[in-house]
C-alpha atoms as a PDB file:
ATOM      1  CA  MET A   1      54.144 154.889 246.933  1.00  0.00           C
ATOM      2  CA  ALA A   2      51.789 151.958 245.684  1.00  0.00           C
ATOM      3  CA  TYR A   3      48.809 153.180 243.977  1.00  0.00           C
ATOM      4  CA  ASP A   4      45.065 151.159 243.811  1.00  0.00           C
ATOM      5  CA  THR A   5      43.954 153.246 240.859  1.00  0.00           C
ATOM      6  CA  ILE A   6      47.207 154.310 238.368  1.00  0.00           C
ATOM      7  CA  ILE A   7      50.287 152.835 237.646  1.00  0.00           C
ATOM      8  CA  VAL A   8      53.491 155.167 237.843  1.00  0.00           C
ATOM      9  CA  GLU A   9      56.623 154.230 235.932  1.00  0.00           C
ATOM     10  CA  LYS A  10      59.779 156.040 234.879  1.00  0.00           C
ATOM     11  CA  ARG A  11      60.847 155.752 231.505  1.00  0.00           C
ATOM     12  CA  GLY A  12      64.416 157.530 231.435  1.00  0.00           C
ATOM     13  CA  GLU A  13      63.804 161.277 231.936  1.00  0.00           C
ATOM     14  CA  ALA A  14      60.160 160.647 230.743  1.00  0.00           C
ATOM     15  CA  GLY A  15      57.313 160.058 233.913  1.00  0.00           C
ATOM     16  CA  LEU A  16      54.349 157.715 232.752  1.00  0.00           C
ATOM     17  CA  ILE A  17      51.131 157.618 234.590  1.00  0.00           C
ATOM     18  CA  THR A  18      48.434 154.998 233.597  1.00  0.00           C
ATOM     19  CA  LEU A  19      44.514 155.251 234.570  1.00  0.00           C
ATOM     20  CA  ASN A  20      43.954 151.663 235.792  1.00  0.00           C
ATOM     21  CA  ARG A  21      40.663 151.038 236.681  1.00  0.00           C
ATOM     22  CA  PRO A  22      40.006 148.395 234.210  1.00  0.00           C
ATOM     23  CA  LYS A  23      36.645 147.341 235.218  1.00  0.00           C
ATOM     24  CA  ALA A  24      35.326 150.862 235.163  1.00  0.00           C
ATOM     25  CA  MET A  25      36.752 151.845 232.193  1.00  0.00           C
ATOM     26  CA  ASN A  26      39.253 154.035 233.846  1.00  0.00           C
ATOM     27  CA  ALA A  27      36.142 156.521 235.209  1.00  0.00           C
ATOM     28  CA  LEU A  28      37.649 159.346 236.585  1.00  0.00           C
ATOM     29  CA  ASN A  29      36.980 159.440 240.575  1.00  0.00           C
ATOM     30  CA  LYS A  30      38.217 161.168 243.861  1.00  0.00           C
ATOM     31  CA  ALA A  31      40.372 158.424 244.252  1.00  0.00           C
ATOM     32  CA  LEU A  32      41.981 158.210 241.329  1.00  0.00           C
ATOM     33  CA  LEU A  33      42.404 162.124 241.618  1.00  0.00           C
ATOM     34  CA  ASP A  34      44.196 162.067 244.989  1.00  0.00           C
ATOM     35  CA  GLU A  35      46.475 159.512 243.615  1.00  0.00           C
ATOM     36  CA  MET A  36      47.378 161.055 240.248  1.00  0.00           C
ATOM     37  CA  ILE A  37      48.156 164.570 242.548  1.00  0.00           C
ATOM     38  CA  ASP A  38      50.276 162.746 244.555  1.00  0.00           C
ATOM     39  CA  ALA A  39      52.287 161.336 241.672  1.00  0.00           C
ATOM     40  CA  LEU A  40      52.475 164.609 239.474  1.00  0.00           C
ATOM     41  CA  ALA A  41      53.809 166.294 242.825  1.00  0.00           C
ATOM     42  CA  ALA A  42      56.536 163.712 243.122  1.00  0.00           C
ATOM     43  CA  MET A  43      57.441 164.114 239.500  1.00  0.00           C
ATOM     44  CA  ARG A  44      57.299 167.999 239.597  1.00  0.00           C
ATOM     45  CA  ASP A  45      59.787 167.738 242.630  1.00  0.00           C
ATOM     46  CA  ASP A  46      61.861 164.983 240.852  1.00  0.00           C
ATOM     47  CA  ALA A  47      64.894 166.917 239.049  1.00  0.00           C
ATOM     48  CA  LYS A  48      65.539 163.653 236.665  1.00  0.00           C
ATOM     49  CA  ILE A  49      61.836 163.684 235.411  1.00  0.00           C
ATOM     50  CA  GLY A  50      61.286 166.426 232.623  1.00  0.00           C
ATOM     51  CA  ALA A  51      58.232 165.453 231.054  1.00  0.00           C
ATOM     52  CA  VAL A  52      55.235 162.993 231.779  1.00  0.00           C
ATOM     53  CA  VAL A  53      52.814 161.371 229.810  1.00  0.00           C
ATOM     54  CA  ILE A  54      49.296 160.270 231.027  1.00  0.00           C
ATOM     55  CA  THR A  55      47.537 157.136 229.183  1.00  0.00           C
ATOM     56  CA  GLY A  56      45.123 154.708 229.876  1.00  0.00           C
ATOM     57  CA  SER A  57      43.980 151.433 228.239  1.00  0.00           C
ATOM     58  CA  GLN A  58      44.123 150.449 224.742  1.00  0.00           C
ATOM     59  CA  LYS A  59      39.869 150.417 224.991  1.00  0.00           C
ATOM     60  CA  ALA A  60      39.832 153.650 227.123  1.00  0.00           C
ATOM     61  CA  PHE A  61      41.754 156.487 228.205  1.00  0.00           C
ATOM     62  CA  ALA A  62      39.094 157.075 230.640  1.00  0.00           C
ATOM     63  CA  ALA A  63      35.201 156.883 229.507  1.00  0.00           C
ATOM     64  CA  GLY A  64      34.315 159.996 231.530  1.00  0.00           C
ATOM     65  CA  ALA A  65      33.761 160.969 235.408  1.00  0.00           C
ATOM     66  CA  ASP A  66      32.896 158.235 237.395  1.00  0.00           C
ATOM     67  CA  ILE A  67      28.700 158.411 237.323  1.00  0.00           C
ATOM     68  CA  LYS A  68      28.094 156.349 240.626  1.00  0.00           C
ATOM     69  CA  GLU A  69      30.180 158.904 242.285  1.00  0.00           C
ATOM     70  CA  MET A  70      28.393 162.205 240.843  1.00  0.00           C
ATOM     71  CA  SER A  71      24.822 160.857 241.413  1.00  0.00           C
ATOM     72  CA  GLU A  72      25.531 161.206 245.151  1.00  0.00           C
ATOM     73  CA  PHE A  73      26.272 165.178 244.482  1.00  0.00           C
ATOM     74  CA  ALA A  74      23.577 167.664 246.153  1.00  0.00           C
ATOM     75  CA  PHE A  75      23.886 171.061 244.849  1.00  0.00           C
ATOM     76  CA  ALA A  76      25.223 172.491 248.448  1.00  0.00           C
ATOM     77  CA  SER A  77      27.509 169.665 249.233  1.00  0.00           C
ATOM     78  CA  ALA A  78      28.725 170.056 245.373  1.00  0.00           C
ATOM     79  CA  TYR A  79      29.173 173.723 245.887  1.00  0.00           C
ATOM     80  CA  MET A  80      31.029 174.217 249.124  1.00  0.00           C
ATOM     81  CA  HIS A  81      33.370 171.517 248.346  1.00  0.00           C
ATOM     82  CA  ASP A  82      33.893 172.730 245.044  1.00  0.00           C
ATOM     83  CA  ALA A  83      33.348 169.348 243.588  1.00  0.00           C
ATOM     84  CA  LEU A  84      35.339 168.579 240.290  1.00  0.00           C
ATOM     85  CA  GLY A  85      37.621 171.631 241.335  1.00  0.00           C
ATOM     86  CA  GLY A  86      40.532 169.401 242.212  1.00  0.00           C
ATOM     87  CA  TRP A  87      41.291 168.590 238.664  1.00  0.00           C
ATOM     88  CA  GLU A  88      42.980 172.495 238.203  1.00  0.00           C
ATOM     89  CA  THR A  89      45.873 171.136 240.166  1.00  0.00           C
ATOM     90  CA  VAL A  90      46.145 168.297 237.836  1.00  0.00           C
ATOM     91  CA  ALA A  91      45.677 170.726 234.559  1.00  0.00           C
ATOM     92  CA  GLY A  92      48.564 173.360 236.835  1.00  0.00           C
ATOM     93  CA  PHE A  93      51.117 170.624 236.413  1.00  0.00           C
ATOM     94  CA  PRO A  94      54.514 172.951 235.569  1.00  0.00           C
ATOM     95  CA  LYS A  95      56.413 170.333 233.369  1.00  0.00           C
ATOM     96  CA  PRO A  96      55.261 169.588 229.822  1.00  0.00           C
ATOM     97  CA  MET A  97      52.624 166.845 229.930  1.00  0.00           C
ATOM     98  CA  ILE A  98      51.675 164.875 227.180  1.00  0.00           C
ATOM     99  CA  ALA A  99      48.113 162.693 226.684  1.00  0.00           C
ATOM    100  CA  ALA A 100      48.486 159.470 224.807  1.00  0.00           C
ATOM    101  CA  VAL A 101      44.885 158.551 223.798  1.00  0.00           C
ATOM    102  CA  SER A 102      43.576 155.473 222.733  1.00  0.00           C
ATOM    103  CA  GLY A 103      39.759 154.339 222.379  1.00  0.00           C
ATOM    104  CA  TYR A 104      37.316 156.354 224.363  1.00  0.00           C
ATOM    105  CA  ALA A 105      37.819 159.949 225.812  1.00  0.00           C
ATOM    106  CA  LEU A 106      34.721 160.955 226.834  1.00  0.00           C
ATOM    107  CA  GLY A 107      33.140 163.715 229.585  1.00  0.00           C
ATOM    108  CA  GLY A 108      35.970 163.947 232.060  1.00  0.00           C
ATOM    109  CA  GLY A 109      38.447 161.519 230.029  1.00  0.00           C
ATOM    110  CA  CYS A 110      38.141 164.073 227.138  1.00  0.00           C
ATOM    111  CA  GLU A 111      38.999 167.097 229.752  1.00  0.00           C
ATOM    112  CA  LEU A 112      41.694 165.465 231.294  1.00  0.00           C
ATOM    113  CA  ALA A 113      43.472 164.828 227.929  1.00  0.00           C
ATOM    114  CA  ALA A 114      42.536 168.573 226.696  1.00  0.00           C
ATOM    115  CA  MET A 115      44.382 169.688 230.427  1.00  0.00           C
ATOM    116  CA  CYS A 116      47.800 168.228 228.791  1.00  0.00           C
ATOM    117  CA  ASP A 117      50.072 170.350 226.539  1.00  0.00           C
ATOM    118  CA  PHE A 118      49.388 168.169 223.564  1.00  0.00           C
ATOM    119  CA  ILE A 119      47.452 165.264 222.792  1.00  0.00           C
ATOM    120  CA  ILE A 120      48.846 162.227 220.794  1.00  0.00           C
ATOM    121  CA  ALA A 121      46.131 159.815 219.865  1.00  0.00           C
ATOM    122  CA  GLY A 122      46.037 156.120 218.531  1.00  0.00           C
ATOM    123  CA  GLU A 123      43.955 155.671 215.601  1.00  0.00           C
ATOM    124  CA  SER A 124      41.017 154.010 217.888  1.00  0.00           C
ATOM    125  CA  ALA A 125      40.756 157.216 219.902  1.00  0.00           C
ATOM    126  CA  LYS A 126      37.301 158.746 220.245  1.00  0.00           C
ATOM    127  CA  PHE A 127      36.458 162.281 221.898  1.00  0.00           C
ATOM    128  CA  GLY A 128      33.413 163.259 223.160  1.00  0.00           C
ATOM    129  CA  GLN A 129      31.499 165.476 225.665  1.00  0.00           C
ATOM    130  CA  PRO A 130      28.186 163.296 226.232  1.00  0.00           C
ATOM    131  CA  GLU A 131      27.157 164.933 230.017  1.00  0.00           C
ATOM    132  CA  VAL A 132      23.869 166.530 228.243  1.00  0.00           C
ATOM    133  CA  THR A 133      22.786 162.879 227.630  1.00  0.00           C
ATOM    134  CA  LEU A 134      22.784 162.404 231.505  1.00  0.00           C
ATOM    135  CA  GLY A 135      21.242 165.703 232.185  1.00  0.00           C
ATOM    136  CA  ILE A 136      24.269 167.796 233.265  1.00  0.00           C
ATOM    137  CA  MET A 137      27.107 169.498 231.349  1.00  0.00           C
ATOM    138  CA  PRO A 138      30.823 169.370 231.581  1.00  0.00           C
ATOM    139  CA  GLY A 139      32.444 170.291 234.768  1.00  0.00           C
ATOM    140  CA  MET A 140      36.393 169.939 234.333  1.00  0.00           C
ATOM    141  CA  GLY A 141      36.824 172.294 231.728  1.00  0.00           C
ATOM    142  CA  GLY A 142      34.986 170.854 228.505  1.00  0.00           C
ATOM    143  CA  THR A 143      33.143 174.150 227.814  1.00  0.00           C
ATOM    144  CA  GLN A 144      36.300 176.351 228.157  1.00  0.00           C
ATOM    145  CA  ARG A 145      39.595 174.408 227.121  1.00  0.00           C
ATOM    146  CA  LEU A 146      37.679 172.979 224.203  1.00  0.00           C
ATOM    147  CA  ALA A 147      36.372 176.488 222.814  1.00  0.00           C
ATOM    148  CA  ARG A 148      40.141 177.631 223.055  1.00  0.00           C
ATOM    149  CA  SER A 149      41.481 174.814 221.189  1.00  0.00           C
ATOM    150  CA  ILE A 150      38.684 173.619 218.516  1.00  0.00           C
ATOM    151  CA  GLY A 151      36.522 177.070 218.415  1.00  0.00           C
ATOM    152  CA  LYS A 152      32.580 177.710 219.340  1.00  0.00           C
ATOM    153  CA  ALA A 153      31.250 175.817 216.629  1.00  0.00           C
ATOM    154  CA  LYS A 154      32.617 171.985 217.558  1.00  0.00           C
ATOM    155  CA  THR A 155      32.638 172.734 221.164  1.00  0.00           C
ATOM    156  CA  MET A 156      28.629 173.359 220.672  1.00  0.00           C
ATOM    157  CA  ASP A 157      28.624 170.599 218.575  1.00  0.00           C
ATOM    158  CA  LEU A 158      29.732 168.276 220.894  1.00  0.00           C
ATOM    159  CA  CYS A 159      28.334 169.659 224.273  1.00  0.00           C
ATOM    160  CA  LEU A 160      25.267 169.954 223.119  1.00  0.00           C
ATOM    161  CA  THR A 161      24.786 166.857 220.781  1.00  0.00           C
ATOM    162  CA  GLY A 162      26.524 164.627 222.957  1.00  0.00           C
ATOM    163  CA  ARG A 163      28.430 162.856 219.970  1.00  0.00           C
ATOM    164  CA  MET A 164      31.743 161.578 219.714  1.00  0.00           C
ATOM    165  CA  MET A 165      34.607 162.788 216.920  1.00  0.00           C
ATOM    166  CA  ASP A 166      37.133 160.276 216.395  1.00  0.00           C
ATOM    167  CA  ALA A 167      41.035 160.964 215.935  1.00  0.00           C
ATOM    168  CA  GLU A 168      41.175 162.188 212.157  1.00  0.00           C
ATOM    169  CA  GLU A 169      38.146 164.739 212.991  1.00  0.00           C
ATOM    170  CA  ALA A 170      39.892 165.614 216.078  1.00  0.00           C
ATOM    171  CA  GLU A 171      43.465 166.245 214.770  1.00  0.00           C
ATOM    172  CA  ARG A 172      41.548 168.316 211.571  1.00  0.00           C
ATOM    173  CA  CYS A 173      40.261 170.728 214.167  1.00  0.00           C
ATOM    174  CA  GLY A 174      43.219 170.958 216.422  1.00  0.00           C
ATOM    175  CA  LEU A 175      42.332 168.629 219.380  1.00  0.00           C
ATOM    176  CA  VAL A 176      44.957 166.429 218.392  1.00  0.00           C
ATOM    177  CA  ALA A 177      48.431 167.209 217.470  1.00  0.00           C
ATOM    178  CA  ARG A 178      49.450 163.848 215.416  1.00  0.00           C
ATOM    179  CA  ILE A 179      47.620 160.506 215.108  1.00  0.00           C
ATOM    180  CA  VAL A 180      49.893 157.087 215.142  1.00  0.00           C
ATOM    181  CA  PRO A 181      48.738 153.755 215.005  1.00  0.00           C
ATOM    182  CA  ASP A 182      47.391 152.032 218.147  1.00  0.00           C
ATOM    183  CA  THR A 183      50.469 149.757 218.698  1.00  0.00           C
ATOM    184  CA  GLU A 184      52.904 152.550 218.671  1.00  0.00           C
ATOM    185  CA  LEU A 185      51.002 155.249 220.698  1.00  0.00           C
ATOM    186  CA  ILE A 186      52.980 154.707 224.049  1.00  0.00           C
ATOM    187  CA  GLU A 187      56.389 154.617 222.209  1.00  0.00           C
ATOM    188  CA  GLU A 188      55.486 157.319 220.455  1.00  0.00           C
ATOM    189  CA  ALA A 189      54.291 159.217 223.371  1.00  0.00           C
ATOM    190  CA  ILE A 190      57.473 158.203 225.400  1.00  0.00           C
ATOM    191  CA  SER A 191      59.750 159.441 222.429  1.00  0.00           C
ATOM    192  CA  ALA A 192      58.051 162.675 222.516  1.00  0.00           C
ATOM    193  CA  ALA A 193      58.276 163.079 226.019  1.00  0.00           C
ATOM    194  CA  GLN A 194      62.201 162.011 226.362  1.00  0.00           C
ATOM    195  CA  LYS A 195      63.131 164.398 223.370  1.00  0.00           C
ATOM    196  CA  ILE A 196      61.483 167.242 225.395  1.00  0.00           C
ATOM    197  CA  ALA A 197      63.560 166.318 228.915  1.00  0.00           C
ATOM    198  CA  SER A 198      66.366 166.098 226.830  1.00  0.00           C
ATOM    199  CA  PHE A 199      66.042 169.887 226.552  1.00  0.00           C
ATOM    200  CA  SER A 200      66.863 172.739 229.253  1.00  0.00           C
ATOM    201  CA  LEU A 201      64.027 172.108 231.852  1.00  0.00           C
ATOM    202  CA  PRO A 202      63.906 175.799 232.917  1.00  0.00           C
ATOM    203  CA  SER A 203      63.585 176.577 228.913  1.00  0.00           C
ATOM    204  CA  VAL A 204      60.558 174.268 227.996  1.00  0.00           C
ATOM    205  CA  MET A 205      59.075 175.134 231.444  1.00  0.00           C
ATOM    206  CA  MET A 206      58.922 178.985 230.354  1.00  0.00           C
ATOM    207  CA  ALA A 207      58.000 177.741 226.541  1.00  0.00           C
ATOM    208  CA  LYS A 208      54.865 176.345 227.912  1.00  0.00           C
ATOM    209  CA  GLU A 209      53.868 178.964 230.397  1.00  0.00           C
ATOM    210  CA  THR A 210      54.122 181.356 227.696  1.00  0.00           C
ATOM    211  CA  ILE A 211      51.856 179.203 225.263  1.00  0.00           C
ATOM    212  CA  ASN A 212      49.267 179.043 228.151  1.00  0.00           C
ATOM    213  CA  GLN A 213      49.424 182.863 228.644  1.00  0.00           C
ATOM    214  CA  ALA A 214      48.107 183.513 225.219  1.00  0.00           C
ATOM    215  CA  PHE A 215      44.676 182.193 226.205  1.00  0.00           C
ATOM    216  CA  GLU A 216      44.650 184.682 229.023  1.00  0.00           C
ATOM    217  CA  THR A 217      45.800 187.621 227.750  1.00  0.00           C
ATOM    218  CA  GLY A 218      45.795 189.905 224.764  1.00  0.00           C
ATOM    219  CA  LEU A 219      48.064 189.984 221.634  1.00  0.00           C
ATOM    220  CA  ALA A 220      49.919 192.937 222.818  1.00  0.00           C
ATOM    221  CA  GLU A 221      50.279 191.888 226.493  1.00  0.00           C
ATOM    222  CA  GLY A 222      50.877 188.397 225.845  1.00  0.00           C
ATOM    223  CA  LEU A 223      53.976 189.581 223.045  1.00  0.00           C
ATOM    224  CA  ARG A 224      55.358 191.451 226.257  1.00  0.00           C
ATOM    225  CA  PHE A 225      55.353 188.569 228.210  1.00  0.00           C
ATOM    226  CA  GLU A 226      56.987 186.112 225.742  1.00  0.00           C
ATOM    227  CA  ARG A 227      59.605 189.034 225.079  1.00  0.00           C
ATOM    228  CA  ARG A 228      60.644 189.167 228.813  1.00  0.00           C
ATOM    229  CA  LEU A 229      60.395 185.468 229.306  1.00  0.00           C
ATOM    230  CA  PHE A 230      62.788 185.593 226.235  1.00  0.00           C
ATOM    231  CA  HIS A 231      65.429 188.133 228.127  1.00  0.00           C
ATOM    232  CA  ALA A 232      65.325 185.886 231.181  1.00  0.00           C
ATOM    233  CA  MET A 233      66.501 182.969 229.434  1.00  0.00           C
ATOM    234  CA  PHE A 234      69.796 185.062 228.963  1.00  0.00           C
ATOM    235  CA  ALA A 235      70.300 184.581 232.679  1.00  0.00           C
ATOM    236  CA  LEU A 236      70.415 180.393 232.215  1.00  0.00           C
ATOM    237  CA  GLU A 237      73.516 178.672 231.751  1.00  0.00           C
ATOM    238  CA  ASP A 238      71.922 176.412 229.893  1.00  0.00           C
ATOM    239  CA  GLN A 239      71.309 179.336 227.002  1.00  0.00           C
ATOM    240  CA  SER A 240      75.127 179.721 227.297  1.00  0.00           C
ATOM    241  CA  GLU A 241      75.532 176.126 227.025  1.00  0.00           C
ATOM    242  CA  GLY A 242      73.003 175.668 223.934  1.00  0.00           C
ATOM    243  CA  MET A 243      74.412 178.659 221.758  1.00  0.00           C
ATOM    244  CA  ALA A 244      78.296 177.433 222.482  1.00  0.00           C
ATOM    245  CA  ALA A 245      77.142 173.939 221.320  1.00  0.00           C
ATOM    246  CA  PHE A 246      75.407 175.424 218.159  1.00  0.00           C
ATOM    247  CA  ILE A 247      78.795 177.652 217.595  1.00  0.00           C
ATOM    248  CA  ASP A 248      81.093 174.384 218.467  1.00  0.00           C
ATOM    249  CA  LYS A 249      78.777 172.225 216.287  1.00  0.00           C
ATOM    250  CA  ARG A 250      78.550 169.638 219.212  1.00  0.00           C
ATOM    251  CA  THR A 251      75.460 168.130 221.133  1.00  0.00           C
ATOM    252  CA  PRO A 252      74.507 170.620 223.864  1.00  0.00           C
ATOM    253  CA  SER A 253      74.907 169.424 227.731  1.00  0.00           C
ATOM    254  CA  PHE A 254      71.769 170.934 229.315  1.00  0.00           C
ATOM    255  CA  ARG A 255      72.124 171.214 233.344  1.00  0.00           C
ATOM    256  CA  ASN A 256      68.889 172.642 233.862  1.00  0.00           C
ATOM    257  CA  ARG A 257      69.882 175.890 235.164  1.00  0.00           C
END
């Protein structure tokens, strides 16, 4: 399928989605959301794709949600049509998803990056939630996902002052997993996605689900959930193959079952 607001590629067993609204600094609008949902659904159903990278341009991962589109909102229609709610479909993507961020990741762009399982940032990356400067607040998870990943103080700072933080600060506070030179960003993210995709897909999907469960339950219930999925993995052919390969000192050949 041809897309207008994103570019979709395959790099081996890794999928790559590039936001492609250069004149709007990759601002997120409904058209982009619809295309991303469609592309992710195809990658979800593609047995040859084991992980996905989402990126933007060197100047901007995404500079925010589309202000022109949002300026037309009214309370009744926004509420009844659950404006911005569709982004939860992106957040619920079951396979591992990496954000490769250079330049600005502000507002909805920061929230989209936080929806991914982890962020690899270029040295130029800048993160922020400047919605307060427009008389609004984050609406795609900025007050919730950020609070869970970087804590109350940092989230309050970003959301109440509208300031930006650079890649180094974002890594220090736990928003970013690693920082690389901008020129190596896509290569590094694709390499990470391909490495993930080389493992047993049900195993990495269950690991992702279990980590996310840590934010939904207490410790005792989270440990029980982890242990039960650990037990379930012994029904996988990939578990038998992985352990046999370790014992035989050879590279495993996973079959994703």
